[in-house]
């Protein structure tokens, strides 16, 4: 499927399947623009993807919220056993995890209704004047939705699902906040293959975008 069809899908509040590369995680994520997320989106990601449902956010947005990467937070803390803190992942990148959050209006934080509210409200903060104040008053941590901070420079710095999904939202003209979830395979107990993801996408009318195509687009534009 073309990049254009993926962008149109995101603009409609629908899913895109995003493959990073065979030389990296070799995984496909279900991606949707956070501003459109409903309880149904969360249920579908839980049922058809099954990985960790996260919110990916633009680096400048993270700075406006005074967020740091979790490995930086832990390094600056007084916790023992700092050798446990992850540096580079096996595929060569630093982790993008920051805090995990619940919106203050949630109950347990894990239901489809609760997580969709948390995701949607994170996107809504992007257009607020005093973002940090609104963030601090609206969210609690630890919570049930991890925040992922895209690298500064996006694809020029890191080619992960975090950066690719935020970049997709940007070029679609949407708020650069996405909900992403890895697709798992209950038959092999590993990540879903590209072939199976393509089949799922065709059956459900969801475009699949290869990270290589996105990187080529970024080089030109």
N, C-alpha and C. Protein backbone atom coordinates (compact mmCIF):
# COMPACT_ATOMS: atom_id res chain seq x y z
N UNK A 1 0.86 -1.19 0.00
CA UNK A 1 0.00 0.00 0.00
C UNK A 1 0.90 1.24 0.00
N UNK A 2 0.43 2.30 -0.63
CA UNK A 2 1.22 3.52 -0.74
C UNK A 2 1.18 4.33 0.54
N UNK A 3 2.16 5.21 0.67
CA UNK A 3 2.20 6.11 1.81
C UNK A 3 0.96 6.99 1.84
N UNK A 4 0.49 7.42 0.69
CA UNK A 4 -0.68 8.29 0.63
C UNK A 4 -1.91 7.62 1.24
N UNK A 5 -2.10 6.34 0.97
CA UNK A 5 -3.26 5.65 1.53
C UNK A 5 -3.14 5.55 3.05
N UNK A 6 -1.91 5.40 3.54
CA UNK A 6 -1.69 5.35 4.99
C UNK A 6 -2.02 6.69 5.63
N UNK A 7 -1.61 7.78 4.98
CA UNK A 7 -1.89 9.12 5.52
C UNK A 7 -3.38 9.40 5.53
N UNK A 8 -4.08 8.99 4.49
CA UNK A 8 -5.53 9.20 4.42
C UNK A 8 -6.23 8.40 5.51
N UNK A 9 -5.74 7.20 5.77
CA UNK A 9 -6.32 6.37 6.83
C UNK A 9 -6.16 7.05 8.18
N UNK A 10 -4.97 7.58 8.46
CA UNK A 10 -4.74 8.28 9.73
C UNK A 10 -5.65 9.50 9.86
N UNK A 11 -5.82 10.24 8.78
CA UNK A 11 -6.66 11.43 8.80
C UNK A 11 -8.11 11.10 9.10
N UNK A 12 -8.53 9.90 8.73
CA UNK A 12 -9.91 9.46 8.98
C UNK A 12 -10.08 8.87 10.38
N UNK A 13 -8.99 8.83 11.14
CA UNK A 13 -9.06 8.25 12.47
C UNK A 13 -9.01 6.73 12.44
N UNK A 14 -8.44 6.19 11.36
CA UNK A 14 -8.36 4.74 11.21
C UNK A 14 -6.92 4.26 11.39
N UNK A 15 -6.75 2.94 11.41
CA UNK A 15 -5.45 2.34 11.68
C UNK A 15 -4.53 2.31 10.47
N UNK A 16 -3.24 2.25 10.77
CA UNK A 16 -2.18 1.96 9.81
C UNK A 16 -1.32 0.87 10.45
N UNK A 17 -0.82 -0.05 9.64
CA UNK A 17 0.14 -1.04 10.12
C UNK A 17 1.52 -0.56 9.70
N UNK A 18 2.45 -0.51 10.65
CA UNK A 18 3.76 0.08 10.40
C UNK A 18 4.87 -0.92 10.69
N UNK A 19 5.63 -1.27 9.66
CA UNK A 19 6.76 -2.20 9.78
C UNK A 19 8.05 -1.39 9.85
N UNK A 20 8.88 -1.66 10.86
CA UNK A 20 10.12 -0.87 10.96
C UNK A 20 11.16 -1.35 9.95
N UNK A 21 11.75 -2.51 10.15
CA UNK A 21 12.65 -3.10 9.16
C UNK A 21 13.10 -4.46 9.66
N UNK A 22 13.53 -5.30 8.71
CA UNK A 22 13.99 -6.64 9.06
C UNK A 22 15.28 -6.59 9.86
N UNK A 23 16.05 -5.52 9.72
CA UNK A 23 17.32 -5.40 10.42
C UNK A 23 17.21 -4.77 11.78
N UNK A 24 16.00 -4.43 12.19
CA UNK A 24 15.83 -3.77 13.48
C UNK A 24 14.97 -4.67 14.39
N UNK A 25 13.83 -4.17 14.87
CA UNK A 25 12.97 -5.00 15.70
C UNK A 25 12.28 -6.09 14.88
N UNK A 26 12.10 -5.81 13.58
CA UNK A 26 11.39 -6.73 12.70
C UNK A 26 9.97 -6.95 13.20
N UNK A 27 9.31 -5.84 13.57
CA UNK A 27 7.95 -5.89 14.12
C UNK A 27 7.02 -4.94 13.39
N UNK A 28 5.75 -5.27 13.47
CA UNK A 28 4.70 -4.43 12.89
C UNK A 28 3.83 -3.91 14.02
N UNK A 29 3.60 -2.61 14.05
CA UNK A 29 2.72 -2.00 15.04
C UNK A 29 1.42 -1.54 14.40
N UNK A 30 0.34 -1.69 15.16
CA UNK A 30 -0.90 -1.00 14.80
C UNK A 30 -0.76 0.43 15.29
N UNK A 31 -1.07 1.38 14.43
CA UNK A 31 -0.88 2.80 14.74
C UNK A 31 -2.16 3.56 14.45
N UNK A 32 -2.51 4.49 15.34
CA UNK A 32 -3.64 5.39 15.11
C UNK A 32 -3.30 6.74 15.73
N UNK A 33 -3.79 7.81 15.12
CA UNK A 33 -3.57 9.14 15.69
C UNK A 33 -4.30 9.25 17.03
N UNK A 34 -3.58 9.66 18.06
CA UNK A 34 -4.12 9.67 19.42
C UNK A 34 -5.36 10.55 19.56
N UNK A 35 -5.42 11.62 18.78
CA UNK A 35 -6.55 12.55 18.92
C UNK A 35 -7.89 11.91 18.57
N UNK A 36 -7.86 10.80 17.82
CA UNK A 36 -9.09 10.14 17.39
C UNK A 36 -9.42 8.88 18.20
N UNK A 37 -8.59 8.51 19.15
CA UNK A 37 -8.73 7.22 19.82
C UNK A 37 -10.01 7.11 20.63
N UNK A 38 -10.72 6.01 20.41
CA UNK A 38 -11.93 5.67 21.15
C UNK A 38 -11.71 4.34 21.87
N UNK A 39 -12.68 3.95 22.67
CA UNK A 39 -12.62 2.65 23.35
C UNK A 39 -12.54 1.52 22.34
N UNK A 40 -13.19 1.67 21.19
CA UNK A 40 -13.15 0.64 20.16
C UNK A 40 -11.74 0.46 19.61
N UNK A 41 -11.01 1.57 19.41
CA UNK A 41 -9.63 1.46 18.95
C UNK A 41 -8.80 0.63 19.93
N UNK A 42 -8.93 0.93 21.21
CA UNK A 42 -8.15 0.22 22.23
C UNK A 42 -8.52 -1.27 22.24
N UNK A 43 -9.81 -1.56 22.13
CA UNK A 43 -10.25 -2.96 22.11
C UNK A 43 -9.67 -3.70 20.91
N UNK A 44 -9.64 -3.05 19.76
CA UNK A 44 -9.11 -3.70 18.56
C UNK A 44 -7.60 -3.92 18.66
N UNK A 45 -6.89 -2.96 19.25
CA UNK A 45 -5.45 -3.13 19.43
C UNK A 45 -5.16 -4.25 20.44
N UNK A 46 -5.97 -4.33 21.45
CA UNK A 46 -5.81 -5.38 22.45
C UNK A 46 -6.08 -6.75 21.84
N UNK A 47 -7.12 -6.84 21.00
CA UNK A 47 -7.53 -8.11 20.43
C UNK A 47 -6.68 -8.54 19.23
N UNK A 48 -6.31 -7.59 18.37
CA UNK A 48 -5.65 -7.94 17.12
C UNK A 48 -4.15 -7.66 17.09
N UNK A 49 -3.67 -6.88 18.05
CA UNK A 49 -2.22 -6.63 18.14
C UNK A 49 -1.66 -7.38 19.34
N UNK A 50 -2.07 -6.98 20.54
CA UNK A 50 -1.73 -7.75 21.73
C UNK A 50 -0.43 -7.40 22.40
N UNK A 51 0.34 -6.47 21.81
CA UNK A 51 1.60 -6.05 22.43
C UNK A 51 1.35 -4.99 23.50
N UNK A 52 2.32 -4.15 23.70
CA UNK A 52 2.21 -3.10 24.72
C UNK A 52 1.64 -1.83 24.08
N UNK A 53 0.50 -1.39 24.56
CA UNK A 53 -0.15 -0.19 24.03
C UNK A 53 0.48 1.05 24.66
N UNK A 54 1.07 1.88 23.82
CA UNK A 54 1.81 3.06 24.30
C UNK A 54 1.37 4.32 23.57
N UNK A 55 1.74 5.46 24.14
CA UNK A 55 1.54 6.76 23.50
C UNK A 55 2.90 7.28 23.07
N UNK A 56 3.07 7.53 21.77
CA UNK A 56 4.31 8.11 21.26
C UNK A 56 4.10 9.61 21.06
N UNK A 57 5.05 10.42 21.55
CA UNK A 57 4.89 11.87 21.47
C UNK A 57 6.14 12.53 20.88
N UNK A 58 5.91 13.65 20.26
CA UNK A 58 6.97 14.46 19.66
C UNK A 58 7.95 14.93 20.72
N UNK A 59 9.24 15.03 20.35
CA UNK A 59 10.28 15.41 21.30
C UNK A 59 10.07 16.81 21.88
N UNK A 60 9.71 17.77 21.05
CA UNK A 60 9.47 19.14 21.55
C UNK A 60 8.28 19.17 22.51
N UNK A 61 7.27 18.36 22.21
CA UNK A 61 6.11 18.27 23.10
C UNK A 61 6.55 17.71 24.45
N UNK A 62 7.38 16.69 24.43
CA UNK A 62 7.87 16.09 25.68
C UNK A 62 8.64 17.13 26.50
N UNK A 63 9.44 17.94 25.84
CA UNK A 63 10.20 18.97 26.54
C UNK A 63 9.28 20.00 27.17
N UNK A 64 8.21 20.34 26.47
CA UNK A 64 7.26 21.32 27.03
C UNK A 64 6.55 20.77 28.27
N UNK A 65 6.48 19.44 28.37
CA UNK A 65 5.87 18.80 29.54
C UNK A 65 6.91 18.50 30.62
N UNK A 66 8.17 18.83 30.33
CA UNK A 66 9.31 18.58 31.23
C UNK A 66 9.49 17.09 31.49
N UNK A 67 9.26 16.29 30.45
CA UNK A 67 9.44 14.84 30.55
C UNK A 67 10.86 14.45 30.20
N UNK A 68 11.33 13.38 30.80
CA UNK A 68 12.62 12.80 30.48
C UNK A 68 12.44 11.33 30.16
N UNK A 69 13.45 10.74 29.51
CA UNK A 69 13.44 9.30 29.28
C UNK A 69 13.57 8.58 30.62
N UNK A 70 12.94 7.42 30.74
CA UNK A 70 12.98 6.69 32.00
C UNK A 70 14.41 6.30 32.38
N UNK A 71 15.26 5.95 31.41
CA UNK A 71 16.63 5.58 31.77
C UNK A 71 17.40 6.78 32.34
N UNK A 72 17.03 8.00 31.90
CA UNK A 72 17.65 9.20 32.47
C UNK A 72 17.13 9.46 33.87
N UNK A 73 15.84 9.27 34.07
CA UNK A 73 15.24 9.46 35.39
C UNK A 73 15.87 8.51 36.40
N UNK A 74 16.04 7.26 36.01
CA UNK A 74 16.62 6.26 36.91
C UNK A 74 18.10 6.53 37.17
N UNK A 75 18.81 6.98 36.14
CA UNK A 75 20.24 7.29 36.30
C UNK A 75 20.45 8.44 37.28
N UNK A 76 19.51 9.40 37.29
CA UNK A 76 19.61 10.56 38.17
C UNK A 76 19.07 10.28 39.58
N UNK A 77 18.46 9.11 39.78
CA UNK A 77 17.85 8.79 41.07
C UNK A 77 18.86 8.12 41.99
N UNK A 78 18.42 7.80 43.20
CA UNK A 78 19.30 7.16 44.18
C UNK A 78 19.04 5.66 44.27
N UNK A 79 18.41 5.09 43.27
CA UNK A 79 18.11 3.66 43.33
C UNK A 79 19.40 2.84 43.29
N UNK A 80 19.41 1.71 44.00
CA UNK A 80 20.58 0.81 43.91
C UNK A 80 20.51 0.02 42.60
N UNK A 81 21.51 -0.80 42.36
CA UNK A 81 21.51 -1.68 41.18
C UNK A 81 21.35 -0.92 39.87
N UNK A 82 22.09 0.14 39.73
CA UNK A 82 21.96 0.94 38.50
C UNK A 82 22.47 0.20 37.26
N UNK A 83 23.15 -0.91 37.47
CA UNK A 83 23.58 -1.72 36.33
C UNK A 83 22.38 -2.33 35.60
N UNK A 84 21.22 -2.31 36.25
CA UNK A 84 20.01 -2.83 35.62
C UNK A 84 19.45 -1.88 34.56
N UNK A 85 19.83 -0.62 34.61
CA UNK A 85 19.27 0.38 33.69
C UNK A 85 19.71 0.07 32.27
N UNK A 86 18.73 -0.03 31.37
CA UNK A 86 19.05 -0.37 29.99
C UNK A 86 19.76 0.77 29.27
N UNK A 87 20.85 0.43 28.60
CA UNK A 87 21.53 1.40 27.74
C UNK A 87 20.98 1.25 26.34
N UNK A 88 21.62 0.41 25.54
CA UNK A 88 21.13 0.13 24.20
C UNK A 88 20.39 -1.21 24.20
N UNK A 89 19.29 -1.27 23.47
CA UNK A 89 18.55 -2.51 23.30
C UNK A 89 19.34 -3.44 22.38
N UNK A 90 19.01 -4.73 22.33
CA UNK A 90 19.74 -5.67 21.46
C UNK A 90 19.76 -5.26 19.99
N UNK A 91 18.75 -4.50 19.54
CA UNK A 91 18.71 -4.08 18.14
C UNK A 91 19.43 -2.75 17.92
N UNK A 92 20.07 -2.20 18.98
CA UNK A 92 20.99 -1.09 18.79
C UNK A 92 20.53 0.30 19.17
N UNK A 93 19.27 0.45 19.59
CA UNK A 93 18.74 1.78 19.93
C UNK A 93 18.54 1.94 21.43
N UNK A 94 18.53 3.19 21.88
CA UNK A 94 18.16 3.46 23.26
C UNK A 94 16.64 3.34 23.41
N UNK A 95 16.13 2.94 24.57
CA UNK A 95 14.68 2.86 24.75
C UNK A 95 14.07 4.26 24.79
N UNK A 96 12.83 4.38 24.35
CA UNK A 96 12.18 5.69 24.33
C UNK A 96 11.16 5.86 25.46
N UNK A 97 11.10 4.89 26.38
CA UNK A 97 10.14 4.96 27.47
C UNK A 97 10.39 6.14 28.39
N UNK A 98 9.29 6.78 28.80
CA UNK A 98 9.33 7.81 29.84
C UNK A 98 8.40 7.33 30.97
N UNK A 99 7.60 8.21 31.53
CA UNK A 99 6.65 7.83 32.56
C UNK A 99 5.51 7.00 31.97
N UNK A 100 4.83 6.26 32.83
CA UNK A 100 3.56 5.64 32.45
C UNK A 100 2.46 6.40 33.20
N UNK A 101 1.35 6.66 32.52
CA UNK A 101 0.35 7.56 33.09
C UNK A 101 -1.08 7.02 33.00
N UNK A 102 -1.93 7.54 33.86
CA UNK A 102 -3.39 7.42 33.79
C UNK A 102 -3.96 8.83 33.83
N UNK A 103 -5.01 9.09 33.07
CA UNK A 103 -5.73 10.34 33.24
C UNK A 103 -6.42 10.33 34.60
N UNK A 104 -6.53 11.47 35.24
CA UNK A 104 -7.07 11.51 36.60
C UNK A 104 -8.53 11.08 36.68
N UNK A 105 -9.25 11.10 35.58
CA UNK A 105 -10.66 10.70 35.59
C UNK A 105 -10.85 9.20 35.40
N UNK A 106 -9.77 8.45 35.24
CA UNK A 106 -9.90 7.01 35.09
C UNK A 106 -10.08 6.35 36.46
N UNK A 107 -10.48 5.08 36.44
CA UNK A 107 -10.67 4.33 37.70
C UNK A 107 -9.47 3.42 37.92
N UNK A 108 -9.45 2.24 37.29
CA UNK A 108 -8.25 1.40 37.40
C UNK A 108 -7.19 1.84 36.40
N UNK A 109 -7.62 2.42 35.28
CA UNK A 109 -6.70 2.88 34.25
C UNK A 109 -6.48 1.89 33.12
N UNK A 110 -6.90 0.64 33.27
CA UNK A 110 -6.57 -0.39 32.30
C UNK A 110 -7.71 -0.73 31.33
N UNK A 111 -8.93 -0.37 31.64
CA UNK A 111 -10.04 -0.71 30.76
C UNK A 111 -9.92 0.01 29.42
N UNK A 112 -10.67 -0.48 28.43
CA UNK A 112 -10.67 0.18 27.12
C UNK A 112 -11.12 1.63 27.25
N UNK A 113 -12.13 1.86 28.06
CA UNK A 113 -12.61 3.24 28.27
C UNK A 113 -11.55 4.10 28.93
N UNK A 114 -10.89 3.56 29.95
CA UNK A 114 -9.88 4.32 30.69
C UNK A 114 -8.67 4.64 29.82
N UNK A 115 -8.16 3.63 29.12
CA UNK A 115 -6.97 3.87 28.31
C UNK A 115 -7.25 4.79 27.13
N UNK A 116 -8.42 4.68 26.54
CA UNK A 116 -8.74 5.59 25.42
C UNK A 116 -8.83 7.03 25.91
N UNK A 117 -9.35 7.23 27.11
CA UNK A 117 -9.41 8.58 27.68
C UNK A 117 -8.01 9.13 27.92
N UNK A 118 -7.14 8.31 28.50
CA UNK A 118 -5.76 8.73 28.76
C UNK A 118 -5.05 9.11 27.47
N UNK A 119 -5.20 8.28 26.44
CA UNK A 119 -4.54 8.53 25.16
C UNK A 119 -5.05 9.80 24.50
N UNK A 120 -6.36 9.92 24.44
CA UNK A 120 -6.98 11.08 23.77
C UNK A 120 -6.64 12.39 24.49
N UNK A 121 -6.65 12.37 25.81
CA UNK A 121 -6.37 13.58 26.57
C UNK A 121 -4.90 14.00 26.47
N UNK A 122 -4.00 13.03 26.26
CA UNK A 122 -2.60 13.40 26.02
C UNK A 122 -2.48 14.20 24.73
N UNK A 123 -3.21 13.77 23.71
CA UNK A 123 -3.18 14.50 22.44
C UNK A 123 -3.78 15.89 22.60
N UNK A 124 -4.83 16.00 23.39
CA UNK A 124 -5.51 17.29 23.57
C UNK A 124 -4.62 18.34 24.23
N UNK A 125 -3.70 17.89 25.09
CA UNK A 125 -2.80 18.83 25.77
C UNK A 125 -1.89 19.56 24.78
N UNK A 126 -1.63 18.94 23.63
CA UNK A 126 -0.73 19.53 22.65
C UNK A 126 -1.15 20.95 22.25
N UNK A 127 -2.44 21.21 22.26
CA UNK A 127 -2.95 22.51 21.82
C UNK A 127 -3.27 23.46 22.98
N UNK A 128 -2.88 23.07 24.19
CA UNK A 128 -3.10 23.91 25.37
C UNK A 128 -1.93 24.87 25.53
N UNK A 129 -2.19 26.07 26.00
CA UNK A 129 -1.13 27.08 26.14
C UNK A 129 -0.10 26.68 27.18
N UNK A 130 -0.54 26.41 28.41
CA UNK A 130 0.39 26.00 29.47
C UNK A 130 0.35 24.47 29.57
N UNK A 131 1.11 23.83 28.70
CA UNK A 131 1.07 22.37 28.58
C UNK A 131 1.51 21.66 29.86
N UNK A 132 2.61 22.13 30.45
CA UNK A 132 3.15 21.44 31.62
C UNK A 132 2.17 21.48 32.80
N UNK A 133 1.55 22.62 33.02
CA UNK A 133 0.60 22.76 34.12
C UNK A 133 -0.61 21.85 33.91
N UNK A 134 -1.11 21.81 32.66
CA UNK A 134 -2.26 20.98 32.35
C UNK A 134 -1.91 19.51 32.48
N UNK A 135 -0.71 19.15 32.04
CA UNK A 135 -0.25 17.76 32.14
C UNK A 135 -0.18 17.32 33.60
N UNK A 136 0.45 18.14 34.43
CA UNK A 136 0.63 17.79 35.84
C UNK A 136 -0.69 17.69 36.59
N UNK A 137 -1.67 18.48 36.18
CA UNK A 137 -2.96 18.47 36.88
C UNK A 137 -3.92 17.41 36.33
N UNK A 138 -3.61 16.88 35.15
CA UNK A 138 -4.55 15.96 34.49
C UNK A 138 -4.14 14.50 34.53
N UNK A 139 -2.87 14.22 34.86
CA UNK A 139 -2.38 12.85 34.79
C UNK A 139 -1.70 12.42 36.08
N UNK A 140 -1.77 11.12 36.35
CA UNK A 140 -1.11 10.51 37.50
C UNK A 140 -0.13 9.45 37.02
N UNK A 141 0.97 9.28 37.78
CA UNK A 141 1.96 8.27 37.46
C UNK A 141 2.37 7.55 38.74
N UNK A 142 2.63 6.26 38.73
CA UNK A 142 2.61 5.35 37.58
C UNK A 142 1.18 5.06 37.12
N UNK A 143 1.07 4.77 35.84
CA UNK A 143 -0.23 4.47 35.27
C UNK A 143 -0.16 3.29 34.32
N UNK A 144 -1.17 3.16 33.49
CA UNK A 144 -1.28 1.98 32.63
C UNK A 144 -0.95 2.22 31.17
N UNK A 145 -0.57 3.46 30.81
CA UNK A 145 -0.18 3.73 29.42
C UNK A 145 1.21 4.38 29.41
N UNK A 146 2.21 3.64 28.94
CA UNK A 146 3.56 4.21 28.87
C UNK A 146 3.66 5.33 27.83
N UNK A 147 4.41 6.37 28.17
CA UNK A 147 4.71 7.44 27.23
C UNK A 147 6.06 7.15 26.58
N UNK A 148 6.13 7.29 25.27
CA UNK A 148 7.36 7.11 24.52
C UNK A 148 7.75 8.44 23.90
N UNK A 149 8.98 8.86 24.10
CA UNK A 149 9.44 10.15 23.57
C UNK A 149 10.23 9.93 22.29
N UNK A 150 9.73 10.47 21.20
CA UNK A 150 10.45 10.37 19.92
C UNK A 150 11.77 11.14 20.00
N UNK A 151 12.77 10.61 19.35
CA UNK A 151 14.08 11.25 19.35
C UNK A 151 14.04 12.61 18.65
N UNK A 152 14.87 13.54 19.12
CA UNK A 152 15.00 14.82 18.46
C UNK A 152 15.56 14.59 17.06
N UNK A 153 14.90 15.13 16.06
CA UNK A 153 15.32 14.88 14.69
C UNK A 153 14.58 13.73 14.05
N UNK A 154 13.74 13.07 14.83
CA UNK A 154 12.92 11.95 14.34
C UNK A 154 13.74 10.93 13.55
N UNK A 155 13.40 10.67 12.31
CA UNK A 155 13.99 9.57 11.54
C UNK A 155 15.48 9.77 11.28
N UNK A 156 15.95 11.00 11.33
CA UNK A 156 17.37 11.25 11.14
C UNK A 156 18.19 10.72 12.32
N UNK A 157 17.52 10.59 13.48
CA UNK A 157 18.22 10.17 14.69
C UNK A 157 17.95 8.72 15.07
N UNK A 158 16.74 8.25 14.80
CA UNK A 158 16.33 6.90 15.22
C UNK A 158 15.19 6.45 14.31
N UNK A 159 15.22 5.20 13.90
CA UNK A 159 14.21 4.70 12.96
C UNK A 159 13.31 3.66 13.62
N UNK A 160 12.74 4.03 14.77
CA UNK A 160 11.85 3.14 15.50
C UNK A 160 10.39 3.47 15.25
N UNK A 161 9.51 2.62 15.76
CA UNK A 161 8.07 2.85 15.61
C UNK A 161 7.65 4.16 16.27
N UNK A 162 8.34 4.53 17.35
CA UNK A 162 8.04 5.79 18.03
C UNK A 162 8.21 6.96 17.07
N UNK A 163 9.39 7.03 16.45
CA UNK A 163 9.68 8.13 15.54
C UNK A 163 8.86 8.05 14.26
N UNK A 164 8.73 6.85 13.71
CA UNK A 164 8.01 6.69 12.45
C UNK A 164 6.53 7.06 12.59
N UNK A 165 5.92 6.65 13.70
CA UNK A 165 4.49 6.95 13.89
C UNK A 165 4.25 8.44 14.10
N UNK A 166 5.15 9.08 14.87
CA UNK A 166 5.03 10.53 15.09
C UNK A 166 5.25 11.27 13.78
N UNK A 167 6.21 10.82 12.99
CA UNK A 167 6.47 11.44 11.69
C UNK A 167 5.27 11.29 10.76
N UNK A 168 4.65 10.12 10.76
CA UNK A 168 3.44 9.90 9.96
C UNK A 168 2.34 10.89 10.34
N UNK A 169 2.14 11.07 11.65
CA UNK A 169 1.12 12.01 12.12
C UNK A 169 1.47 13.43 11.67
N UNK A 170 2.73 13.79 11.74
CA UNK A 170 3.16 15.13 11.33
C UNK A 170 2.87 15.39 9.86
N UNK A 171 3.28 14.47 8.99
CA UNK A 171 3.10 14.72 7.55
C UNK A 171 1.64 14.56 7.13
N UNK A 172 0.83 13.96 8.02
CA UNK A 172 -0.60 13.89 7.76
C UNK A 172 -1.31 15.17 8.22
N UNK A 173 -0.54 16.07 8.87
CA UNK A 173 -1.12 17.32 9.36
C UNK A 173 -1.90 17.15 10.65
N UNK A 174 -1.56 16.10 11.42
CA UNK A 174 -2.27 15.81 12.66
C UNK A 174 -1.40 16.14 13.86
N UNK A 175 -1.99 16.12 15.04
CA UNK A 175 -1.23 16.29 16.28
C UNK A 175 -0.19 15.18 16.36
N UNK A 176 1.09 15.52 16.61
CA UNK A 176 2.16 14.51 16.61
C UNK A 176 2.18 13.63 17.86
N UNK A 177 1.05 13.00 18.10
CA UNK A 177 0.89 12.07 19.22
C UNK A 177 0.14 10.86 18.67
N UNK A 178 0.69 9.67 18.88
CA UNK A 178 0.07 8.46 18.33
C UNK A 178 -0.09 7.39 19.40
N UNK A 179 -1.02 6.47 19.15
CA UNK A 179 -1.15 5.27 19.96
C UNK A 179 -0.60 4.12 19.13
N UNK A 180 0.33 3.36 19.69
CA UNK A 180 0.95 2.27 18.95
C UNK A 180 0.95 0.99 19.78
N UNK A 181 0.86 -0.15 19.09
CA UNK A 181 0.84 -1.44 19.78
C UNK A 181 1.40 -2.52 18.86
N UNK A 182 2.38 -3.27 19.35
CA UNK A 182 3.01 -4.31 18.55
C UNK A 182 2.03 -5.45 18.26
N UNK A 183 2.13 -5.99 17.05
CA UNK A 183 1.29 -7.12 16.66
C UNK A 183 2.01 -8.43 17.00
N UNK A 184 1.34 -9.27 17.80
CA UNK A 184 1.89 -10.54 18.23
C UNK A 184 1.22 -11.70 17.50
N UNK A 185 1.87 -12.86 17.48
CA UNK A 185 1.36 -14.04 16.81
C UNK A 185 1.12 -15.13 17.85
N UNK A 186 -0.15 -15.48 18.09
CA UNK A 186 -0.49 -16.48 19.10
C UNK A 186 -0.17 -17.91 18.68
N UNK A 187 0.19 -18.09 17.40
CA UNK A 187 0.56 -19.43 16.92
C UNK A 187 2.05 -19.69 17.11
N UNK A 188 2.87 -18.68 16.85
CA UNK A 188 4.33 -18.86 16.96
C UNK A 188 4.89 -18.28 18.25
N UNK A 189 4.07 -17.51 18.98
CA UNK A 189 4.48 -16.84 20.21
C UNK A 189 5.62 -15.85 19.97
N UNK A 190 5.66 -15.30 18.75
CA UNK A 190 6.65 -14.29 18.39
C UNK A 190 5.90 -13.10 17.77
N UNK A 191 6.66 -12.14 17.24
CA UNK A 191 6.03 -11.02 16.55
C UNK A 191 5.36 -11.52 15.27
N UNK A 192 4.27 -10.88 14.90
CA UNK A 192 3.55 -11.25 13.68
C UNK A 192 4.43 -10.98 12.46
N UNK A 193 4.44 -11.91 11.52
CA UNK A 193 5.25 -11.76 10.32
C UNK A 193 4.63 -10.72 9.38
N UNK A 194 5.44 -10.22 8.47
CA UNK A 194 4.96 -9.26 7.48
C UNK A 194 3.87 -9.88 6.62
N UNK A 195 4.04 -11.15 6.23
CA UNK A 195 3.05 -11.82 5.40
C UNK A 195 1.70 -11.90 6.10
N UNK A 196 1.71 -12.28 7.36
CA UNK A 196 0.46 -12.38 8.11
C UNK A 196 -0.14 -11.00 8.34
N UNK A 197 0.70 -10.00 8.56
CA UNK A 197 0.21 -8.63 8.75
C UNK A 197 -0.43 -8.10 7.47
N UNK A 198 0.18 -8.41 6.33
CA UNK A 198 -0.38 -7.99 5.04
C UNK A 198 -1.75 -8.62 4.83
N UNK A 199 -1.86 -9.90 5.17
CA UNK A 199 -3.14 -10.60 5.04
C UNK A 199 -4.19 -9.97 5.95
N UNK A 200 -3.81 -9.69 7.20
CA UNK A 200 -4.73 -9.05 8.14
C UNK A 200 -5.15 -7.68 7.62
N UNK A 201 -4.18 -6.92 7.09
CA UNK A 201 -4.48 -5.59 6.57
C UNK A 201 -5.46 -5.64 5.42
N UNK A 202 -5.27 -6.58 4.49
CA UNK A 202 -6.17 -6.70 3.34
C UNK A 202 -7.57 -7.10 3.77
N UNK A 203 -7.66 -8.00 4.74
CA UNK A 203 -8.96 -8.47 5.23
C UNK A 203 -9.73 -7.36 5.96
N UNK A 204 -9.00 -6.43 6.55
CA UNK A 204 -9.63 -5.40 7.37
C UNK A 204 -9.53 -3.99 6.78
N UNK A 205 -9.00 -3.90 5.57
CA UNK A 205 -8.90 -2.59 4.92
C UNK A 205 -7.95 -1.63 5.61
N UNK A 206 -6.85 -2.17 6.15
CA UNK A 206 -5.87 -1.34 6.86
C UNK A 206 -4.57 -1.32 6.05
N UNK A 207 -4.09 -0.15 5.62
CA UNK A 207 -2.85 -0.08 4.84
C UNK A 207 -1.63 -0.44 5.68
N UNK A 208 -0.67 -1.09 5.04
CA UNK A 208 0.61 -1.41 5.69
C UNK A 208 1.70 -0.59 5.02
N UNK A 209 2.45 0.12 5.85
CA UNK A 209 3.53 0.96 5.32
C UNK A 209 4.87 0.40 5.79
N UNK A 210 5.79 0.24 4.86
CA UNK A 210 7.14 -0.24 5.16
C UNK A 210 8.01 0.94 5.58
N UNK A 211 8.78 0.76 6.63
CA UNK A 211 9.65 1.82 7.10
C UNK A 211 10.60 2.34 6.04
N UNK A 212 11.02 1.47 5.12
CA UNK A 212 11.91 1.88 4.05
C UNK A 212 11.27 2.96 3.19
N UNK A 213 9.98 2.79 2.89
CA UNK A 213 9.28 3.78 2.09
C UNK A 213 9.20 5.11 2.82
N UNK A 214 8.98 5.04 4.12
CA UNK A 214 8.89 6.26 4.91
C UNK A 214 10.25 6.98 4.97
N UNK A 215 11.32 6.22 5.09
CA UNK A 215 12.66 6.81 5.13
C UNK A 215 13.01 7.46 3.79
N UNK A 216 12.62 6.82 2.70
CA UNK A 216 12.86 7.40 1.38
C UNK A 216 12.09 8.71 1.20
N UNK A 217 10.87 8.73 1.68
CA UNK A 217 10.04 9.94 1.62
C UNK A 217 10.68 11.06 2.43
N UNK A 218 11.17 10.72 3.62
CA UNK A 218 11.78 11.72 4.50
C UNK A 218 13.04 12.32 3.88
N UNK A 219 13.82 11.50 3.17
CA UNK A 219 15.03 12.01 2.51
C UNK A 219 14.71 13.04 1.46
N UNK A 220 13.63 12.83 0.74
CA UNK A 220 13.24 13.73 -0.34
C UNK A 220 12.60 15.00 0.20
N UNK A 221 11.81 14.86 1.26
CA UNK A 221 11.03 15.99 1.77
C UNK A 221 11.65 16.63 3.02
